[in-house]
Amino acid sequence: MDTKLLARIGAAVFVGLAIAMTIVQLREEPAPVRQADRRVWVPDGDPLPAQLRVCAEMGELALSSPDCRAAWAEKRRRFFGVDHPEAYSGIGDRALPGAPPSEARGED
């Protein structure tokens, strides 16, 4: 038997097996992808996470909402661990158009 003929037969068998394996793989349905369960920890009695979620859903309207501003200030205060409660209460309020600085910051 000629070696070229043997090589051709071997190549044809290899290609045939590769095609057969590909067809078998394509016929199988993929296993369903199991998504990880999302668990959000909400502390009892703390309304801040719920308020932040509402503000996130409001979009740009949240920028003018005093409730959202207060919630963000509280979130910053907790994140940075600032002990002084008024440390972040006035951030961004001075930029409100048409409001005098004393009213925007809540001072009398």
C-alpha atoms as a PDB file:
ATOM      1  CA  MET A   1       0.000   0.000   0.000  1.00  0.00           C
ATOM      2  CA  ASP A   2       1.248   3.405  -0.893  1.00  0.00           C
ATOM      3  CA  THR A   3       2.006   5.801   2.009  1.00  0.00           C
ATOM      4  CA  LYS A   4       0.241   8.698   0.262  1.00  0.00           C
ATOM      5  CA  LEU A   5      -2.922   6.639   0.015  1.00  0.00           C
ATOM      6  CA  LEU A   6      -2.641   5.687   3.680  1.00  0.00           C
ATOM      7  CA  ALA A   7      -2.179   9.358   4.648  1.00  0.00           C
ATOM      8  CA  ARG A   8      -5.243  10.354   2.613  1.00  0.00           C
ATOM      9  CA  ILE A   9      -7.347   7.624   4.242  1.00  0.00           C
ATOM     10  CA  GLY A  10      -6.144   8.741   7.698  1.00  0.00           C
ATOM     11  CA  ALA A  11      -6.935  12.379   6.907  1.00  0.00           C
ATOM     12  CA  ALA A  12     -10.402  11.450   5.605  1.00  0.00           C
ATOM     13  CA  VAL A  13     -11.123   9.418   8.754  1.00  0.00           C
ATOM     14  CA  PHE A  14      -9.930  12.314  10.945  1.00  0.00           C
ATOM     15  CA  VAL A  15     -12.095  14.846   9.070  1.00  0.00           C
ATOM     16  CA  GLY A  16     -15.073  12.487   9.224  1.00  0.00           C
ATOM     17  CA  LEU A  17     -14.671  12.041  12.993  1.00  0.00           C
ATOM     18  CA  ALA A  18     -14.314  15.801  13.487  1.00  0.00           C
ATOM     19  CA  ILE A  19     -17.509  16.462  11.514  1.00  0.00           C
ATOM     20  CA  ALA A  20     -19.389  13.731  13.399  1.00  0.00           C
ATOM     21  CA  MET A  21     -18.286  15.127  16.778  1.00  0.00           C
ATOM     22  CA  THR A  22     -19.279  18.652  15.723  1.00  0.00           C
ATOM     23  CA  ILE A  23     -22.747  17.484  14.673  1.00  0.00           C
ATOM     24  CA  VAL A  24     -23.227  15.673  17.997  1.00  0.00           C
ATOM     25  CA  GLN A  25     -22.190  18.776  19.927  1.00  0.00           C
ATOM     26  CA  LEU A  26     -24.517  21.019  17.921  1.00  0.00           C
ATOM     27  CA  ARG A  27     -27.508  18.729  18.472  1.00  0.00           C
ATOM     28  CA  GLU A  28     -27.158  18.829  22.259  1.00  0.00           C
ATOM     29  CA  GLU A  29     -29.053  21.577  24.041  1.00  0.00           C
ATOM     30  CA  PRO A  30     -26.883  23.711  26.253  1.00  0.00           C
ATOM     31  CA  ALA A  31     -27.353  23.327  29.975  1.00  0.00           C
ATOM     32  CA  PRO A  32     -29.361  26.183  31.480  1.00  0.00           C
ATOM     33  CA  VAL A  33     -27.152  28.806  33.030  1.00  0.00           C
ATOM     34  CA  ARG A  34     -27.946  29.167  36.687  1.00  0.00           C
ATOM     35  CA  GLN A  35     -27.794  32.751  37.755  1.00  0.00           C
ATOM     36  CA  ALA A  36     -26.542  33.553  41.192  1.00  0.00           C
ATOM     37  CA  ASP A  37     -29.192  34.723  43.601  1.00  0.00           C
ATOM     38  CA  ARG A  38     -28.850  38.361  44.454  1.00  0.00           C
ATOM     39  CA  ARG A  39     -29.348  38.993  48.097  1.00  0.00           C
ATOM     40  CA  VAL A  40     -29.508  42.539  49.291  1.00  0.00           C
ATOM     41  CA  TRP A  41     -28.992  43.050  52.969  1.00  0.00           C
ATOM     42  CA  VAL A  42     -31.459  45.599  54.277  1.00  0.00           C
ATOM     43  CA  PRO A  43     -30.987  46.433  57.919  1.00  0.00           C
ATOM     44  CA  ASP A  44     -34.153  46.451  59.989  1.00  0.00           C
ATOM     45  CA  GLY A  45     -35.512  49.904  60.654  1.00  0.00           C
ATOM     46  CA  ASP A  46     -33.019  51.722  58.398  1.00  0.00           C
ATOM     47  CA  PRO A  47     -34.881  53.624  55.653  1.00  0.00           C
ATOM     48  CA  LEU A  48     -31.700  54.883  53.952  1.00  0.00           C
ATOM     49  CA  PRO A  49     -31.215  51.984  51.469  1.00  0.00           C
ATOM     50  CA  ALA A  50     -34.833  52.224  50.347  1.00  0.00           C
ATOM     51  CA  GLN A  51     -34.563  55.999  49.925  1.00  0.00           C
ATOM     52  CA  LEU A  52     -31.348  55.642  47.910  1.00  0.00           C
ATOM     53  CA  ARG A  53     -33.035  53.078  45.667  1.00  0.00           C
ATOM     54  CA  VAL A  54     -35.955  55.462  45.059  1.00  0.00           C
ATOM     55  CA  CYS A  55     -33.532  58.276  44.233  1.00  0.00           C
ATOM     56  CA  ALA A  56     -31.654  56.039  41.801  1.00  0.00           C
ATOM     57  CA  GLU A  57     -34.905  55.256  39.997  1.00  0.00           C
ATOM     58  CA  MET A  58     -35.817  58.960  39.757  1.00  0.00           C
ATOM     59  CA  GLY A  59     -32.890  59.726  37.488  1.00  0.00           C
ATOM     60  CA  GLU A  60     -32.074  63.398  36.993  1.00  0.00           C
ATOM     61  CA  LEU A  61     -35.117  64.511  38.958  1.00  0.00           C
ATOM     62  CA  ALA A  62     -33.357  63.305  42.096  1.00  0.00           C
ATOM     63  CA  LEU A  63     -30.859  66.166  41.765  1.00  0.00           C
ATOM     64  CA  SER A  64     -33.546  68.665  42.753  1.00  0.00           C
ATOM     65  CA  SER A  65     -35.176  66.536  45.446  1.00  0.00           C
ATOM     66  CA  PRO A  66     -34.388  67.611  49.026  1.00  0.00           C
ATOM     67  CA  ASP A  67     -35.088  64.065  50.262  1.00  0.00           C
ATOM     68  CA  CYS A  68     -32.500  62.629  47.882  1.00  0.00           C
ATOM     69  CA  ARG A  69     -29.970  65.290  48.837  1.00  0.00           C
ATOM     70  CA  ALA A  70     -30.455  64.433  52.502  1.00  0.00           C
ATOM     71  CA  ALA A  71     -30.148  60.708  51.796  1.00  0.00           C
ATOM     72  CA  TRP A  72     -26.918  61.218  49.844  1.00  0.00           C
ATOM     73  CA  ALA A  73     -25.512  63.416  52.614  1.00  0.00           C
ATOM     74  CA  GLU A  74     -26.280  60.719  55.170  1.00  0.00           C
ATOM     75  CA  LYS A  75     -24.703  58.072  52.922  1.00  0.00           C
ATOM     76  CA  ARG A  76     -21.531  60.182  52.605  1.00  0.00           C
ATOM     77  CA  ARG A  77     -21.474  60.775  56.349  1.00  0.00           C
ATOM     78  CA  ARG A  78     -21.727  57.033  57.033  1.00  0.00           C
ATOM     79  CA  PHE A  79     -19.200  56.110  54.351  1.00  0.00           C
ATOM     80  CA  PHE A  80     -16.540  58.562  55.437  1.00  0.00           C
ATOM     81  CA  GLY A  81     -17.253  57.993  59.130  1.00  0.00           C
ATOM     82  CA  VAL A  82     -17.602  61.670  59.942  1.00  0.00           C
ATOM     83  CA  ASP A  83     -18.769  62.188  63.515  1.00  0.00           C
ATOM     84  CA  HIS A  84     -20.014  65.728  62.983  1.00  0.00           C
ATOM     85  CA  PRO A  85     -23.658  65.456  61.748  1.00  0.00           C
ATOM     86  CA  GLU A  86     -23.541  68.716  59.767  1.00  0.00           C
ATOM     87  CA  ALA A  87     -20.304  67.891  57.947  1.00  0.00           C
ATOM     88  CA  TYR A  88     -21.903  67.291  54.540  1.00  0.00           C
ATOM     89  CA  SER A  89     -25.324  68.877  54.889  1.00  0.00           C
ATOM     90  CA  GLY A  90     -24.540  71.939  52.777  1.00  0.00           C
ATOM     91  CA  ILE A  91     -22.682  70.395  49.856  1.00  0.00           C
ATOM     92  CA  GLY A  92     -24.201  71.386  46.540  1.00  0.00           C
ATOM     93  CA  ASP A  93     -27.105  73.319  48.063  1.00  0.00           C
ATOM     94  CA  ARG A  94     -25.383  76.631  47.480  1.00  0.00           C
ATOM     95  CA  ALA A  95     -25.625  76.056  43.716  1.00  0.00           C
ATOM     96  CA  LEU A  96     -29.431  76.089  43.716  1.00  0.00           C
ATOM     97  CA  PRO A  97     -30.603  78.918  41.442  1.00  0.00           C
ATOM     98  CA  GLY A  98     -32.786  81.592  42.978  1.00  0.00           C
ATOM     99  CA  ALA A  99     -32.231  80.592  46.607  1.00  0.00           C
ATOM    100  CA  PRO A 100     -30.252  82.847  48.935  1.00  0.00           C
ATOM    101  CA  PRO A 101     -27.298  81.105  50.589  1.00  0.00           C
ATOM    102  CA  SER A 102     -28.835  81.261  54.073  1.00  0.00           C
ATOM    103  CA  GLU A 103     -32.030  79.492  52.945  1.00  0.00           C
ATOM    104  CA  ALA A 104     -30.224  76.933  50.783  1.00  0.00           C
ATOM    105  CA  ARG A 105     -28.077  75.732  53.684  1.00  0.00           C
ATOM    106  CA  GLY A 106     -30.897  75.715  56.214  1.00  0.00           C
ATOM    107  CA  GLU A 107     -29.453  78.501  58.361  1.00  0.00           C
ATOM    108  CA  ASP A 108     -31.596  81.161  59.989  1.00  0.00           C
END
